[in-house]
């Protein structure tokens, strides 16, 4: 059963009885050309792409061309000796006021993710990628009624996407961000989401049932990650993924590991 930390962050538990249903939703991204990999597979690894993080801007322009709408700041991530990072989709709701004008420093609907590996960990830190479309289909067709109920919840029920976060950082709006974990953009693009901090919407009559289904979804994600294949990013490797389709995570690691991350919005974003 999923557990929730003091900060409101939800962590799932592996359910062995679901492994056979979820086996196969994990993928290893192809290694190849940046533009064609994005166009054909929605995810790609380009080995030895760069050492300078600013090349991520070039990568976004090359991958998306005229579809590129908005870039957010390049963020260094990593550190020493980190625990497992579970499956998630990127996106944050950070808004500031600049001379009387609201400016987004991050957006919850960032739809493409570019990661440049600066340094691989001494041990561990392998990456995990799950095809959200395959995951949703596996839940829809599962023999276990508990999994089919998760599917119905994901596609049919609104949640407060960051609502369980106990002490949001400065700049995070206090208004609930209500959306479905599986839905479509106005251009017809399908979005599959995972948020560690999702909660039932305020004043929801079935609050306890919805909270239990969010816990069950967390268990689904933990199980899918358990059975998914691993792959390793080495220094200089560029990893690009469709943030609306794929969920990603990584194993825990020892030693230093550094990534540089750029999230963007295309013209097809929500």
Protein backbone atom coordinates (compact mmCIF):
# COMPACT_ATOMS: atom_id res chain seq x y z
CA UNK A 1 0.00 0.00 0.00
CA UNK A 2 1.31 3.46 -0.86
CA UNK A 3 2.63 5.66 1.92
CA UNK A 4 2.65 9.46 2.18
CA UNK A 5 5.54 11.43 3.69
CA UNK A 6 5.25 14.42 6.01
CA UNK A 7 5.63 16.71 2.96
CA UNK A 8 2.63 15.06 1.28
CA UNK A 9 4.67 13.06 -1.23
CA UNK A 10 3.17 9.69 -2.13
CA UNK A 11 5.33 6.59 -2.70
CA UNK A 12 3.88 3.36 -4.06
CA UNK A 13 4.51 -0.25 -3.09
CA UNK A 14 5.33 -3.03 -5.55
CA UNK A 15 2.39 -5.42 -5.98
CA UNK A 16 3.74 -8.81 -7.17
CA UNK A 17 0.31 -9.93 -8.43
CA UNK A 18 0.34 -7.09 -10.99
CA UNK A 19 3.79 -7.74 -12.45
CA UNK A 20 2.61 -9.94 -15.31
CA UNK A 21 0.02 -7.35 -16.36
CA UNK A 22 2.51 -4.49 -16.33
CA UNK A 23 5.45 -6.37 -17.78
CA UNK A 24 6.09 -4.90 -21.21
CA UNK A 25 5.06 -1.28 -20.59
CA UNK A 26 8.67 -0.34 -19.87
CA UNK A 27 10.86 0.48 -22.87
CA UNK A 28 14.47 1.22 -23.72
CA UNK A 29 14.64 4.30 -25.97
CA UNK A 30 16.32 3.85 -29.34
CA UNK A 31 19.82 5.16 -29.92
CA UNK A 32 20.01 7.32 -33.01
CA UNK A 33 19.43 10.61 -34.78
CA UNK A 34 17.81 13.35 -32.70
CA UNK A 35 15.10 14.57 -35.10
CA UNK A 36 14.09 11.19 -36.51
CA UNK A 37 14.11 9.57 -33.06
CA UNK A 38 11.73 12.20 -31.71
CA UNK A 39 9.47 11.99 -34.77
CA UNK A 40 9.24 8.18 -34.91
CA UNK A 41 9.57 6.96 -31.33
CA UNK A 42 8.91 9.98 -29.14
CA UNK A 43 12.10 9.25 -27.23
CA UNK A 44 15.75 8.88 -28.22
CA UNK A 45 19.28 8.72 -26.83
CA UNK A 46 22.01 10.52 -28.77
CA UNK A 47 25.39 9.28 -27.47
CA UNK A 48 28.21 11.77 -27.00
CA UNK A 49 26.04 14.73 -27.97
CA UNK A 50 27.74 17.47 -25.95
CA UNK A 51 29.58 18.53 -22.81
CA UNK A 52 28.19 22.08 -22.67
CA UNK A 53 24.68 22.25 -21.13
CA UNK A 54 23.80 25.20 -23.36
CA UNK A 55 23.72 22.78 -26.29
CA UNK A 56 20.34 21.68 -24.90
CA UNK A 57 18.85 24.78 -26.53
CA UNK A 58 20.26 23.65 -29.89
CA UNK A 59 18.86 20.17 -29.26
CA UNK A 60 15.35 21.54 -28.64
CA UNK A 61 15.45 23.59 -31.84
CA UNK A 62 16.76 20.64 -33.85
CA UNK A 63 14.23 18.18 -32.44
CA UNK A 64 11.12 20.35 -32.71
CA UNK A 65 11.96 22.96 -35.35
CA UNK A 66 9.10 25.38 -35.89
CA UNK A 67 6.94 23.51 -33.37
CA UNK A 68 9.04 24.92 -30.51
CA UNK A 69 7.09 27.55 -28.56
CA UNK A 70 8.69 28.17 -25.16
CA UNK A 71 11.86 27.17 -23.28
CA UNK A 72 12.44 27.19 -19.55
CA UNK A 73 15.74 27.55 -17.73
CA UNK A 74 18.37 24.80 -17.87
CA UNK A 75 18.44 23.13 -14.47
CA UNK A 76 21.41 21.20 -13.01
CA UNK A 77 20.25 18.12 -11.13
CA UNK A 78 22.00 15.38 -9.23
CA UNK A 79 24.38 15.20 -6.32
CA UNK A 80 25.85 12.40 -4.27
CA UNK A 81 24.29 9.15 -3.04
CA UNK A 82 20.61 9.54 -3.90
CA UNK A 83 17.72 7.11 -3.31
CA UNK A 84 15.38 5.76 -6.00
CA UNK A 85 13.42 8.35 -7.98
CA UNK A 86 10.06 6.84 -8.90
CA UNK A 87 8.15 7.17 -12.15
CA UNK A 88 6.90 10.68 -12.79
CA UNK A 89 6.20 13.25 -15.48
CA UNK A 90 7.98 16.60 -15.40
CA UNK A 91 6.26 19.94 -14.95
CA UNK A 92 6.00 22.50 -12.16
CA UNK A 93 3.70 25.42 -11.43
CA UNK A 94 5.96 28.38 -10.60
CA UNK A 95 4.72 31.94 -11.20
CA UNK A 96 6.40 35.24 -10.29
CA UNK A 97 5.56 38.91 -10.78
CA UNK A 98 8.01 40.91 -12.90
CA UNK A 99 7.16 44.62 -13.03
CA UNK A 100 3.46 43.90 -12.64
CA UNK A 101 3.40 41.09 -15.19
CA UNK A 102 2.90 37.42 -14.27
CA UNK A 103 5.76 35.29 -15.58
CA UNK A 104 5.99 31.50 -15.49
CA UNK A 105 9.39 30.17 -14.49
CA UNK A 106 8.05 26.63 -14.93
CA UNK A 107 4.86 25.27 -16.43
CA UNK A 108 2.82 22.20 -15.48
CA UNK A 109 2.27 21.47 -19.19
CA UNK A 110 5.87 21.20 -20.36
CA UNK A 111 5.58 18.60 -23.09
CA UNK A 112 9.17 17.76 -24.09
CA UNK A 113 12.11 16.94 -21.85
CA UNK A 114 15.81 17.17 -22.78
CA UNK A 115 18.42 15.69 -20.42
CA UNK A 116 22.17 15.89 -20.90
CA UNK A 117 24.28 13.62 -18.70
CA UNK A 118 27.20 15.54 -17.25
CA UNK A 119 28.53 12.72 -15.10
CA UNK A 120 27.34 9.14 -14.57
CA UNK A 121 27.21 7.77 -11.03
CA UNK A 122 29.94 5.46 -9.79
CA UNK A 123 27.32 2.76 -9.30
CA UNK A 124 23.57 2.62 -9.87
CA UNK A 125 21.54 5.49 -11.26
CA UNK A 126 20.22 3.54 -14.25
CA UNK A 127 17.23 5.14 -15.96
CA UNK A 128 13.72 3.76 -16.42
CA UNK A 129 11.19 4.71 -19.10
CA UNK A 130 7.55 3.59 -19.20
CA UNK A 131 5.27 4.13 -22.20
CA UNK A 132 2.21 5.78 -20.67
CA UNK A 133 0.00 4.80 -23.60
CA UNK A 134 0.90 1.13 -23.12
CA UNK A 135 0.37 1.48 -19.38
CA UNK A 136 -3.14 2.89 -19.79
CA UNK A 137 -4.04 0.10 -22.24
CA UNK A 138 -2.71 -2.55 -19.86
CA UNK A 139 -4.92 -1.17 -17.10
CA UNK A 140 -7.96 -0.97 -19.37
CA UNK A 141 -7.68 -4.62 -20.44
CA UNK A 142 -6.46 -6.09 -17.13
CA UNK A 143 -8.19 -9.13 -15.66
CA UNK A 144 -7.88 -7.67 -12.16
CA UNK A 145 -10.90 -5.42 -11.49
CA UNK A 146 -8.76 -3.27 -9.19
CA UNK A 147 -6.59 -2.30 -12.16
CA UNK A 148 -9.58 -1.64 -14.41
CA UNK A 149 -10.97 0.63 -11.71
CA UNK A 150 -7.67 2.56 -11.73
CA UNK A 151 -8.07 3.04 -15.49
CA UNK A 152 -11.61 4.37 -15.08
CA UNK A 153 -10.37 6.75 -12.40
CA UNK A 154 -7.45 8.05 -14.47
CA UNK A 155 -9.52 8.83 -17.56
CA UNK A 156 -12.72 9.93 -15.86
CA UNK A 157 -11.95 11.77 -12.63
CA UNK A 158 -10.49 15.20 -11.87
CA UNK A 159 -7.73 15.49 -9.26
CA UNK A 160 -5.93 18.40 -7.60
CA UNK A 161 -2.57 17.83 -9.27
CA UNK A 162 -0.34 19.26 -6.50
CA UNK A 163 -2.94 19.26 -3.74
CA UNK A 164 -1.17 17.01 -1.23
CA UNK A 165 1.94 19.21 -1.08
CA UNK A 166 2.04 20.37 2.55
CA UNK A 167 4.32 23.41 2.27
CA UNK A 168 4.59 24.60 -1.36
CA UNK A 169 7.63 26.70 -2.16
CA UNK A 170 7.43 30.44 -2.68
CA UNK A 171 6.02 31.24 -6.13
CA UNK A 172 3.74 28.20 -6.30
CA UNK A 173 0.12 29.37 -6.73
CA UNK A 174 -2.27 28.38 -3.97
CA UNK A 175 -5.22 27.85 -6.32
CA UNK A 176 -5.87 24.13 -6.92
CA UNK A 177 -4.70 22.89 -10.32
CA UNK A 178 -7.53 20.57 -11.35
CA UNK A 179 -7.02 18.11 -14.22
CA UNK A 180 -7.23 14.43 -15.10
CA UNK A 181 -4.25 12.13 -14.99
CA UNK A 182 -5.12 10.90 -18.48
CA UNK A 183 -6.73 13.38 -20.87
CA UNK A 184 -6.35 15.10 -24.24
CA UNK A 185 -5.15 18.55 -25.22
CA UNK A 186 -7.33 20.83 -27.35
CA UNK A 187 -5.30 19.69 -30.40
CA UNK A 188 -6.12 16.05 -29.65
CA UNK A 189 -2.79 15.06 -28.13
CA UNK A 190 -3.05 12.46 -25.37
CA UNK A 191 -1.44 13.19 -22.00
CA UNK A 192 -0.56 10.56 -19.39
CA UNK A 193 0.53 12.09 -16.09
CA UNK A 194 1.97 11.03 -12.75
CA UNK A 195 2.23 13.38 -9.77
CA UNK A 196 3.61 12.40 -6.37
CA UNK A 197 1.47 15.14 -4.81
CA UNK A 198 -1.93 14.58 -6.45
CA UNK A 199 -4.96 14.69 -4.16
CA UNK A 200 -8.73 14.56 -4.54
CA UNK A 201 -10.21 17.91 -5.54
CA UNK A 202 -11.37 20.15 -2.67
CA UNK A 203 -14.76 19.26 -1.20
CA UNK A 204 -14.99 16.09 -3.28
CA UNK A 205 -17.92 13.98 -1.92
CA UNK A 206 -15.98 10.75 -2.61
CA UNK A 207 -12.73 12.11 -1.20
CA UNK A 208 -11.67 8.93 0.62
CA UNK A 209 -12.34 6.69 -2.39
CA UNK A 210 -10.40 8.99 -4.69
CA UNK A 211 -7.50 9.13 -2.22
CA UNK A 212 -7.45 5.32 -2.13
CA UNK A 213 -7.37 5.16 -5.94
CA UNK A 214 -4.47 7.62 -6.03
CA UNK A 215 -2.64 5.31 -3.62
CA UNK A 216 -3.43 2.37 -5.88
CA UNK A 217 -2.12 4.26 -8.93
CA UNK A 218 1.11 4.88 -6.99
CA UNK A 219 1.36 1.10 -6.45
CA UNK A 220 0.80 0.58 -10.18
CA UNK A 221 3.69 2.93 -10.98
CA UNK A 222 5.98 1.28 -8.43
CA UNK A 223 5.20 -2.14 -9.92
CA UNK A 224 5.66 -0.95 -13.50
CA UNK A 225 9.04 0.50 -12.55
CA UNK A 226 10.07 -2.73 -10.84
CA UNK A 227 9.56 -4.81 -13.99
CA UNK A 228 10.77 -2.24 -16.55
CA UNK A 229 14.17 -2.61 -18.27
CA UNK A 230 17.03 -0.34 -17.27
CA UNK A 231 19.42 1.68 -19.39
CA UNK A 232 22.41 3.84 -18.49
CA UNK A 233 23.27 7.38 -19.53
CA UNK A 234 26.97 8.15 -19.80
CA UNK A 235 28.66 11.55 -19.75
CA UNK A 236 27.77 13.51 -22.87
CA UNK A 237 24.68 11.45 -23.71
CA UNK A 238 21.50 13.34 -24.62
CA UNK A 239 18.17 11.79 -23.64
CA UNK A 240 14.98 13.28 -25.11
CA UNK A 241 11.42 12.20 -24.39
CA UNK A 242 7.81 13.14 -25.03
CA UNK A 243 6.76 14.22 -21.55
CA UNK A 244 3.08 13.73 -22.40
CA UNK A 245 3.55 10.08 -23.34
CA UNK A 246 6.39 8.70 -21.22
CA UNK A 247 6.91 8.45 -17.48
CA UNK A 248 10.50 8.24 -16.28
CA UNK A 249 12.52 7.52 -13.15
CA UNK A 250 15.87 6.12 -12.07
CA UNK A 251 17.47 3.72 -9.61
CA UNK A 252 19.27 4.95 -6.54
CA UNK A 253 22.98 5.54 -6.91
CA UNK A 254 26.28 5.96 -5.07
CA UNK A 255 28.84 8.61 -5.88
CA UNK A 256 28.35 11.81 -7.85
CA UNK A 257 25.84 12.06 -10.70
CA UNK A 258 25.00 15.17 -12.71
CA UNK A 259 22.27 15.88 -15.25
CA UNK A 260 21.36 19.11 -17.01
CA UNK A 261 17.63 19.34 -17.75
CA UNK A 262 15.69 21.55 -20.15
CA UNK A 263 11.90 21.40 -20.40
CA UNK A 264 9.99 23.09 -23.21
CA UNK A 265 6.52 23.63 -24.61
CA UNK A 266 5.66 22.99 -28.23
CA UNK A 267 2.73 24.34 -30.24
CA UNK A 268 0.90 21.09 -29.42
CA UNK A 269 1.07 21.59 -25.63
CA UNK A 270 -2.09 21.91 -23.55
